[in-house]
Amino acid sequence: MVSASGATAVACAGVLYLVALPRVGFLASTALFMGGVSLLLDRPRRYPVTVHLATAIATAALLWAIFARIFGVILPRGPLGV
């Protein structure tokens, strides 16, 4: 169960994600958002930070591959062009 402060933190992370998306790009902002929310919701800490970050990066890359490559959706690009 997520506490009220946890829900507020996730909502704030969502707002930061929406602000960062056009500036940083889909891949980086999604990985950061998913990693951050994963860390916020893992209380008490059951998994190491590296597991959260690796899972977030892999999931963001998979979502990018599905939507950009398979479905042809144009996603926001970051400064590195990805």
PDB file of N, CA and C in Angstrom:
ATOM      1  N   MET A   1       0.833  -1.177   0.000  1.00  0.00           N
ATOM      2  CA  MET A   1       0.000   0.000   0.000  1.00  0.00           C
ATOM      3  C   MET A   1       0.880   1.242   0.000  1.00  0.00           C
ATOM      4  N   VAL A   2       0.540   2.205  -0.792  1.00  0.00           N
ATOM      5  CA  VAL A   2       1.304   3.443  -0.897  1.00  0.00           C
ATOM      6  C   VAL A   2       0.683   4.480   0.031  1.00  0.00           C
ATOM      7  N   SER A   3       1.528   5.136   0.828  1.00  0.00           N
ATOM      8  CA  SER A   3       1.036   6.170   1.732  1.00  0.00           C
ATOM      9  C   SER A   3       0.682   7.427   0.935  1.00  0.00           C
ATOM     10  N   ALA A   4       0.063   8.368   1.624  1.00  0.00           N
ATOM     11  CA  ALA A   4      -0.311   9.626   0.969  1.00  0.00           C
ATOM     12  C   ALA A   4       0.925  10.388   0.520  1.00  0.00           C
ATOM     13  N   SER A   5       1.983  10.352   1.329  1.00  0.00           N
ATOM     14  CA  SER A   5       3.211  11.049   0.928  1.00  0.00           C
ATOM     15  C   SER A   5       3.866  10.342  -0.257  1.00  0.00           C
ATOM     16  N   GLY A   6       3.758   9.016  -0.315  1.00  0.00           N
ATOM     17  CA  GLY A   6       4.287   8.272  -1.454  1.00  0.00           C
ATOM     18  C   GLY A   6       3.522   8.589  -2.728  1.00  0.00           C
ATOM     19  N   ALA A   7       2.204   8.697  -2.608  1.00  0.00           N
ATOM     20  CA  ALA A   7       1.387   9.034  -3.770  1.00  0.00           C
ATOM     21  C   ALA A   7       1.695  10.445  -4.258  1.00  0.00           C
ATOM     22  N   THR A   8       1.925  11.356  -3.319  1.00  0.00           N
ATOM     23  CA  THR A   8       2.290  12.722  -3.688  1.00  0.00           C
ATOM     24  C   THR A   8       3.642  12.742  -4.387  1.00  0.00           C
ATOM     25  N   ALA A   9       4.584  11.953  -3.899  1.00  0.00           N
ATOM     26  CA  ALA A   9       5.910  11.887  -4.516  1.00  0.00           C
ATOM     27  C   ALA A   9       5.827  11.326  -5.931  1.00  0.00           C
ATOM     28  N   VAL A  10       4.997  10.314  -6.139  1.00  0.00           N
ATOM     29  CA  VAL A  10       4.831   9.734  -7.478  1.00  0.00           C
ATOM     30  C   VAL A  10       4.158  10.747  -8.408  1.00  0.00           C
ATOM     31  N   ALA A  11       3.188  11.486  -7.899  1.00  0.00           N
ATOM     32  CA  ALA A  11       2.529  12.518  -8.716  1.00  0.00           C
ATOM     33  C   ALA A  11       3.522  13.616  -9.104  1.00  0.00           C
ATOM     34  N   CYS A  12       4.369  14.029  -8.168  1.00  0.00           N
ATOM     35  CA  CYS A  12       5.395  15.035  -8.473  1.00  0.00           C
ATOM     36  C   CYS A  12       6.389  14.497  -9.504  1.00  0.00           C
ATOM     37  N   ALA A  13       6.739  13.213  -9.372  1.00  0.00           N
ATOM     38  CA  ALA A  13       7.641  12.594 -10.354  1.00  0.00           C
ATOM     39  C   ALA A  13       6.992  12.595 -11.733  1.00  0.00           C
ATOM     40  N   GLY A  14       5.695  12.372 -11.794  1.00  0.00           N
ATOM     41  CA  GLY A  14       4.979  12.412 -13.068  1.00  0.00           C
ATOM     42  C   GLY A  14       5.006  13.786 -13.706  1.00  0.00           C
ATOM     43  N   VAL A  15       4.852  14.818 -12.899  1.00  0.00           N
ATOM     44  CA  VAL A  15       4.915  16.184 -13.416  1.00  0.00           C
ATOM     45  C   VAL A  15       6.326  16.488 -13.926  1.00  0.00           C
ATOM     46  N   LEU A  16       7.343  16.083 -13.164  1.00  0.00           N
ATOM     47  CA  LEU A  16       8.728  16.279 -13.608  1.00  0.00           C
ATOM     48  C   LEU A  16       9.002  15.521 -14.910  1.00  0.00           C
ATOM     49  N   TYR A  17       8.416  14.336 -15.035  1.00  0.00           N
ATOM     50  CA  TYR A  17       8.565  13.549 -16.263  1.00  0.00           C
ATOM     51  C   TYR A  17       7.992  14.300 -17.461  1.00  0.00           C
ATOM     52  N   LEU A  18       6.808  14.864 -17.296  1.00  0.00           N
ATOM     53  CA  LEU A  18       6.177  15.601 -18.388  1.00  0.00           C
ATOM     54  C   LEU A  18       6.972  16.850 -18.768  1.00  0.00           C
ATOM     55  N   VAL A  19       7.596  17.490 -17.787  1.00  0.00           N
ATOM     56  CA  VAL A  19       8.418  18.672 -18.070  1.00  0.00           C
ATOM     57  C   VAL A  19       9.714  18.256 -18.762  1.00  0.00           C
ATOM     58  N   ALA A  20      10.304  17.143 -18.337  1.00  0.00           N
ATOM     59  CA  ALA A  20      11.591  16.701 -18.888  1.00  0.00           C
ATOM     60  C   ALA A  20      11.451  16.050 -20.260  1.00  0.00           C
ATOM     61  N   LEU A  21      10.302  15.471 -20.557  1.00  0.00           N
ATOM     62  CA  LEU A  21      10.120  14.702 -21.791  1.00  0.00           C
ATOM     63  C   LEU A  21      10.527  15.456 -23.061  1.00  0.00           C
ATOM     64  N   PRO A  22      10.046  16.664 -23.304  1.00  0.00           N
ATOM     65  CA  PRO A  22      10.456  17.337 -24.545  1.00  0.00           C
ATOM     66  C   PRO A  22      11.906  17.830 -24.524  1.00  0.00           C
ATOM     67  N   ARG A  23      12.476  18.030 -23.344  1.00  0.00           N
ATOM     68  CA  ARG A  23      13.833  18.563 -23.245  1.00  0.00           C
ATOM     69  C   ARG A  23      14.899  17.471 -23.277  1.00  0.00           C
ATOM     70  N   VAL A  24      14.619  16.352 -22.617  1.00  0.00           N
ATOM     71  CA  VAL A  24      15.610  15.286 -22.458  1.00  0.00           C
ATOM     72  C   VAL A  24      15.379  14.154 -23.451  1.00  0.00           C
ATOM     73  N   GLY A  25      14.147  14.004 -23.895  1.00  0.00           N
ATOM     74  CA  GLY A  25      13.810  12.934 -24.825  1.00  0.00           C
ATOM     75  C   GLY A  25      13.118  11.777 -24.121  1.00  0.00           C
ATOM     76  N   PHE A  26      12.472  10.940 -24.927  1.00  0.00           N
ATOM     77  CA  PHE A  26      11.672   9.846 -24.386  1.00  0.00           C
ATOM     78  C   PHE A  26      12.513   8.831 -23.627  1.00  0.00           C
ATOM     79  N   LEU A  27      13.588   8.391 -24.228  1.00  0.00           N
ATOM     80  CA  LEU A  27      14.363   7.300 -23.654  1.00  0.00           C
ATOM     81  C   LEU A  27      14.957   7.669 -22.295  1.00  0.00           C
ATOM     82  N   ALA A  28      15.635   8.791 -22.209  1.00  0.00           N
ATOM     83  CA  ALA A  28      16.271   9.194 -20.951  1.00  0.00           C
ATOM     84  C   ALA A  28      15.248   9.559 -19.886  1.00  0.00           C
ATOM     85  N   SER A  29      14.238  10.349 -20.246  1.00  0.00           N
ATOM     86  CA  SER A  29      13.262  10.774 -19.240  1.00  0.00           C
ATOM     87  C   SER A  29      12.430   9.599 -18.736  1.00  0.00           C
ATOM     88  N   THR A  30      12.105   8.654 -19.609  1.00  0.00           N
ATOM     89  CA  THR A  30      11.339   7.488 -19.181  1.00  0.00           C
ATOM     90  C   THR A  30      12.164   6.604 -18.261  1.00  0.00           C
ATOM     91  N   ALA A  31      13.438   6.403 -18.584  1.00  0.00           N
ATOM     92  CA  ALA A  31      14.300   5.595 -17.721  1.00  0.00           C
ATOM     93  C   ALA A  31      14.460   6.255 -16.351  1.00  0.00           C
ATOM     94  N   LEU A  32      14.666   7.572 -16.332  1.00  0.00           N
ATOM     95  CA  LEU A  32      14.800   8.275 -15.052  1.00  0.00           C
ATOM     96  C   LEU A  32      13.506   8.228 -14.249  1.00  0.00           C
ATOM     97  N   PHE A  33      12.382   8.429 -14.923  1.00  0.00           N
ATOM     98  CA  PHE A  33      11.090   8.388 -14.240  1.00  0.00           C
ATOM     99  C   PHE A  33      10.821   7.010 -13.652  1.00  0.00           C
ATOM    100  N   MET A  34      11.020   5.978 -14.443  1.00  0.00           N
ATOM    101  CA  MET A  34      10.732   4.625 -13.972  1.00  0.00           C
ATOM    102  C   MET A  34      11.681   4.217 -12.847  1.00  0.00           C
ATOM    103  N   GLY A  35      12.950   4.594 -12.971  1.00  0.00           N
ATOM    104  CA  GLY A  35      13.905   4.290 -11.906  1.00  0.00           C
ATOM    105  C   GLY A  35      13.566   5.019 -10.620  1.00  0.00           C
ATOM    106  N   GLY A  36      13.212   6.288 -10.736  1.00  0.00           N
ATOM    107  CA  GLY A  36      12.853   7.067  -9.556  1.00  0.00           C
ATOM    108  C   GLY A  36      11.603   6.569  -8.870  1.00  0.00           C
ATOM    109  N   VAL A  37      10.571   6.291  -9.635  1.00  0.00           N
ATOM    110  CA  VAL A  37       9.322   5.787  -9.054  1.00  0.00           C
ATOM    111  C   VAL A  37       9.540   4.404  -8.450  1.00  0.00           C
ATOM    112  N   SER A  38      10.328   3.588  -9.115  1.00  0.00           N
ATOM    113  CA  SER A  38      10.637   2.262  -8.584  1.00  0.00           C
ATOM    114  C   SER A  38      11.344   2.368  -7.231  1.00  0.00           C
ATOM    115  N   LEU A  39      12.277   3.291  -7.133  1.00  0.00           N
ATOM    116  CA  LEU A  39      12.962   3.496  -5.851  1.00  0.00           C
ATOM    117  C   LEU A  39      12.015   4.048  -4.789  1.00  0.00           C
ATOM    118  N   LEU A  40      11.132   4.956  -5.186  1.00  0.00           N
ATOM    119  CA  LEU A  40      10.174   5.518  -4.233  1.00  0.00           C
ATOM    120  C   LEU A  40       9.231   4.452  -3.675  1.00  0.00           C
ATOM    121  N   LEU A  41       8.808   3.537  -4.521  1.00  0.00           N
ATOM    122  CA  LEU A  41       7.823   2.539  -4.099  1.00  0.00           C
ATOM    123  C   LEU A  41       8.440   1.322  -3.413  1.00  0.00           C
ATOM    124  N   ASP A  42       9.748   1.183  -3.463  1.00  0.00           N
ATOM    125  CA  ASP A  42      10.414   0.046  -2.838  1.00  0.00           C
ATOM    126  C   ASP A  42      10.831   0.404  -1.416  1.00  0.00           C
ATOM    127  N   ARG A  43       9.868   0.502  -0.525  1.00  0.00           N
ATOM    128  CA  ARG A  43      10.118   0.806   0.881  1.00  0.00           C
ATOM    129  C   ARG A  43       9.531  -0.294   1.737  1.00  0.00           C
ATOM    130  N   PRO A  44      10.237  -0.904   2.637  1.00  0.00           N
ATOM    131  CA  PRO A  44      11.678  -0.799   2.848  1.00  0.00           C
ATOM    132  C   PRO A  44      12.426  -1.398   1.664  1.00  0.00           C
ATOM    133  N   ARG A  45      13.653  -0.971   1.484  1.00  0.00           N
ATOM    134  CA  ARG A  45      14.457  -1.354   0.322  1.00  0.00           C
ATOM    135  C   ARG A  45      14.667  -2.864   0.272  1.00  0.00           C
ATOM    136  N   ARG A  46      14.071  -3.517  -0.751  1.00  0.00           N
ATOM    137  CA  ARG A  46      14.222  -4.957  -0.927  1.00  0.00           C
ATOM    138  C   ARG A  46      15.228  -5.302  -2.008  1.00  0.00           C
ATOM    139  N   TYR A  47      15.422  -4.403  -2.937  1.00  0.00           N
ATOM    140  CA  TYR A  47      16.324  -4.649  -4.063  1.00  0.00           C
ATOM    141  C   TYR A  47      17.392  -3.562  -4.106  1.00  0.00           C
ATOM    142  N   PRO A  48      18.586  -3.892  -4.577  1.00  0.00           N
ATOM    143  CA  PRO A  48      19.626  -2.858  -4.703  1.00  0.00           C
ATOM    144  C   PRO A  48      19.256  -1.817  -5.759  1.00  0.00           C
ATOM    145  N   VAL A  49      19.838  -0.650  -5.639  1.00  0.00           N
ATOM    146  CA  VAL A  49      19.572   0.446  -6.572  1.00  0.00           C
ATOM    147  C   VAL A  49      19.911   0.024  -7.999  1.00  0.00           C
ATOM    148  N   THR A  50      20.955  -0.771  -8.166  1.00  0.00           N
ATOM    149  CA  THR A  50      21.353  -1.199  -9.510  1.00  0.00           C
ATOM    150  C   THR A  50      20.256  -2.013 -10.192  1.00  0.00           C
ATOM    151  N   VAL A  51      19.509  -2.790  -9.433  1.00  0.00           N
ATOM    152  CA  VAL A  51      18.405  -3.566 -10.006  1.00  0.00           C
ATOM    153  C   VAL A  51      17.311  -2.629 -10.497  1.00  0.00           C
ATOM    154  N   HIS A  52      16.999  -1.618  -9.720  1.00  0.00           N
ATOM    155  CA  HIS A  52      15.984  -0.642 -10.131  1.00  0.00           C
ATOM    156  C   HIS A  52      16.412   0.086 -11.403  1.00  0.00           C
ATOM    157  N   LEU A  53      17.661   0.527 -11.429  1.00  0.00           N
ATOM    158  CA  LEU A  53      18.142   1.277 -12.594  1.00  0.00           C
ATOM    159  C   LEU A  53      18.224   0.400 -13.843  1.00  0.00           C
ATOM    160  N   ALA A  54      18.707  -0.820 -13.693  1.00  0.00           N
ATOM    161  CA  ALA A  54      18.800  -1.724 -14.852  1.00  0.00           C
ATOM    162  C   ALA A  54      17.411  -2.054 -15.393  1.00  0.00           C
ATOM    163  N   THR A  55      16.470  -2.290 -14.505  1.00  0.00           N
ATOM    164  CA  THR A  55      15.099  -2.590 -14.925  1.00  0.00           C
ATOM    165  C   THR A  55      14.474  -1.379 -15.619  1.00  0.00           C
ATOM    166  N   ALA A  56      14.707  -0.190 -15.088  1.00  0.00           N
ATOM    167  CA  ALA A  56      14.153   1.028 -15.681  1.00  0.00           C
ATOM    168  C   ALA A  56      14.735   1.275 -17.076  1.00  0.00           C
ATOM    169  N   ILE A  57      16.043   1.103 -17.222  1.00  0.00           N
ATOM    170  CA  ILE A  57      16.687   1.313 -18.526  1.00  0.00           C
ATOM    171  C   ILE A  57      16.201   0.288 -19.540  1.00  0.00           C
ATOM    172  N   ALA A  58      16.114  -0.969 -19.125  1.00  0.00           N
ATOM    173  CA  ALA A  58      15.657  -2.028 -20.036  1.00  0.00           C
ATOM    174  C   ALA A  58      14.201  -1.814 -20.446  1.00  0.00           C
ATOM    175  N   THR A  59      13.358  -1.425 -19.498  1.00  0.00           N
ATOM    176  CA  THR A  59      11.947  -1.198 -19.810  1.00  0.00           C
ATOM    177  C   THR A  59      11.773   0.003 -20.736  1.00  0.00           C
ATOM    178  N   ALA A  60      12.506   1.085 -20.479  1.00  0.00           N
ATOM    179  CA  ALA A  60      12.422   2.261 -21.346  1.00  0.00           C
ATOM    180  C   ALA A  60      12.887   1.920 -22.761  1.00  0.00           C
ATOM    181  N   ALA A  61      13.962   1.153 -22.861  1.00  0.00           N
ATOM    182  CA  ALA A  61      14.463   0.757 -24.182  1.00  0.00           C
ATOM    183  C   ALA A  61      13.463  -0.142 -24.904  1.00  0.00           C
ATOM    184  N   LEU A  62      12.835  -1.043 -24.180  1.00  0.00           N
ATOM    185  CA  LEU A  62      11.826  -1.923 -24.783  1.00  0.00           C
ATOM    186  C   LEU A  62      10.617  -1.121 -25.256  1.00  0.00           C
ATOM    187  N   LEU A  63      10.147  -0.179 -24.424  1.00  0.00           N
ATOM    188  CA  LEU A  63       9.015   0.663 -24.835  1.00  0.00           C
ATOM    189  C   LEU A  63       9.374   1.499 -26.060  1.00  0.00           C
ATOM    190  N   TRP A  64      10.600   2.047 -26.080  1.00  0.00           N
ATOM    191  CA  TRP A  64      11.042   2.823 -27.237  1.00  0.00           C
ATOM    192  C   TRP A  64      11.064   1.961 -28.494  1.00  0.00           C
ATOM    193  N   ALA A  65      11.588   0.741 -28.377  1.00  0.00           N
ATOM    194  CA  ALA A  65      11.660  -0.159 -29.538  1.00  0.00           C
ATOM    195  C   ALA A  65      10.267  -0.508 -30.049  1.00  0.00           C
ATOM    196  N   ILE A  66       9.357  -0.775 -29.139  1.00  0.00           N
ATOM    197  CA  ILE A  66       7.998  -1.150 -29.543  1.00  0.00           C
ATOM    198  C   ILE A  66       7.304   0.019 -30.237  1.00  0.00           C
ATOM    199  N   PHE A  67       7.317   1.194 -29.590  1.00  0.00           N
ATOM    200  CA  PHE A  67       6.551   2.311 -30.137  1.00  0.00           C
ATOM    201  C   PHE A  67       7.242   2.980 -31.320  1.00  0.00           C
ATOM    202  N   ALA A  68       8.546   3.187 -31.252  1.00  0.00           N
ATOM    203  CA  ALA A  68       9.247   3.904 -32.324  1.00  0.00           C
ATOM    204  C   ALA A  68       9.528   3.004 -33.516  1.00  0.00           C
ATOM    205  N   ARG A  69      10.004   1.807 -33.264  1.00  0.00           N
ATOM    206  CA  ARG A  69      10.428   0.938 -34.361  1.00  0.00           C
ATOM    207  C   ARG A  69       9.292   0.095 -34.934  1.00  0.00           C
ATOM    208  N   ILE A  70       8.494  -0.486 -34.068  1.00  0.00           N
ATOM    209  CA  ILE A  70       7.437  -1.390 -34.559  1.00  0.00           C
ATOM    210  C   ILE A  70       6.198  -0.614 -34.996  1.00  0.00           C
ATOM    211  N   PHE A  71       5.715   0.296 -34.139  1.00  0.00           N
ATOM    212  CA  PHE A  71       4.486   1.026 -34.458  1.00  0.00           C
ATOM    213  C   PHE A  71       4.745   2.316 -35.235  1.00  0.00           C
ATOM    214  N   GLY A  72       5.976   2.773 -35.295  1.00  0.00           N
ATOM    215  CA  GLY A  72       6.308   3.982 -36.047  1.00  0.00           C
ATOM    216  C   GLY A  72       5.868   5.278 -35.403  1.00  0.00           C
ATOM    217  N   VAL A  73       5.693   5.279 -34.085  1.00  0.00           N
ATOM    218  CA  VAL A  73       5.293   6.490 -33.370  1.00  0.00           C
ATOM    219  C   VAL A  73       6.510   7.408 -33.244  1.00  0.00           C
ATOM    220  N   ILE A  74       6.326   8.683 -33.516  1.00  0.00           N
ATOM    221  CA  ILE A  74       7.414   9.648 -33.376  1.00  0.00           C
ATOM    222  C   ILE A  74       7.462  10.081 -31.910  1.00  0.00           C
ATOM    223  N   LEU A  75       8.573   9.747 -31.249  1.00  0.00           N
ATOM    224  CA  LEU A  75       8.750  10.066 -29.834  1.00  0.00           C
ATOM    225  C   LEU A  75       9.712  11.234 -29.694  1.00  0.00           C
ATOM    226  N   PRO A  76       9.597  11.999 -28.596  1.00  0.00           N
ATOM    227  CA  PRO A  76      10.501  13.135 -28.399  1.00  0.00           C
ATOM    228  C   PRO A  76      11.961  12.673 -28.358  1.00  0.00           C
ATOM    229  N   ARG A  77      12.822  13.393 -29.087  1.00  0.00           N
ATOM    230  CA  ARG A  77      14.242  13.068 -29.109  1.00  0.00           C
ATOM    231  C   ARG A  77      14.981  13.982 -28.148  1.00  0.00           C
ATOM    232  N   GLY A  78      16.003  13.416 -27.530  1.00  0.00           N
ATOM    233  CA  GLY A  78      16.830  14.182 -26.611  1.00  0.00           C
ATOM    234  C   GLY A  78      17.981  14.851 -27.327  1.00  0.00           C
ATOM    235  N   PRO A  79      18.876  15.461 -26.568  1.00  0.00           N
ATOM    236  CA  PRO A  79      20.011  16.157 -27.153  1.00  0.00           C
ATOM    237  C   PRO A  79      20.946  15.227 -27.924  1.00  0.00           C
ATOM    238  N   LEU A  80      20.954  13.941 -27.603  1.00  0.00           N
ATOM    239  CA  LEU A  80      21.799  12.991 -28.312  1.00  0.00           C
ATOM    240  C   LEU A  80      21.122  12.418 -29.555  1.00  0.00           C
ATOM    241  N   GLY A  81      19.901  12.835 -29.811  1.00  0.00           N
ATOM    242  CA  GLY A  81      19.192  12.386 -31.010  1.00  0.00           C
ATOM    243  C   GLY A  81      18.448  11.078 -30.847  1.00  0.00           C
ATOM    244  N   VAL A  82      18.347  10.576 -29.630  1.00  0.00           N
ATOM    245  CA  VAL A  82      17.634   9.302 -29.387  1.00  0.00           C
ATOM    246  C   VAL A  82      16.371   9.584 -28.630  1.00  0.00           C
TER     247      VAL A  82
END
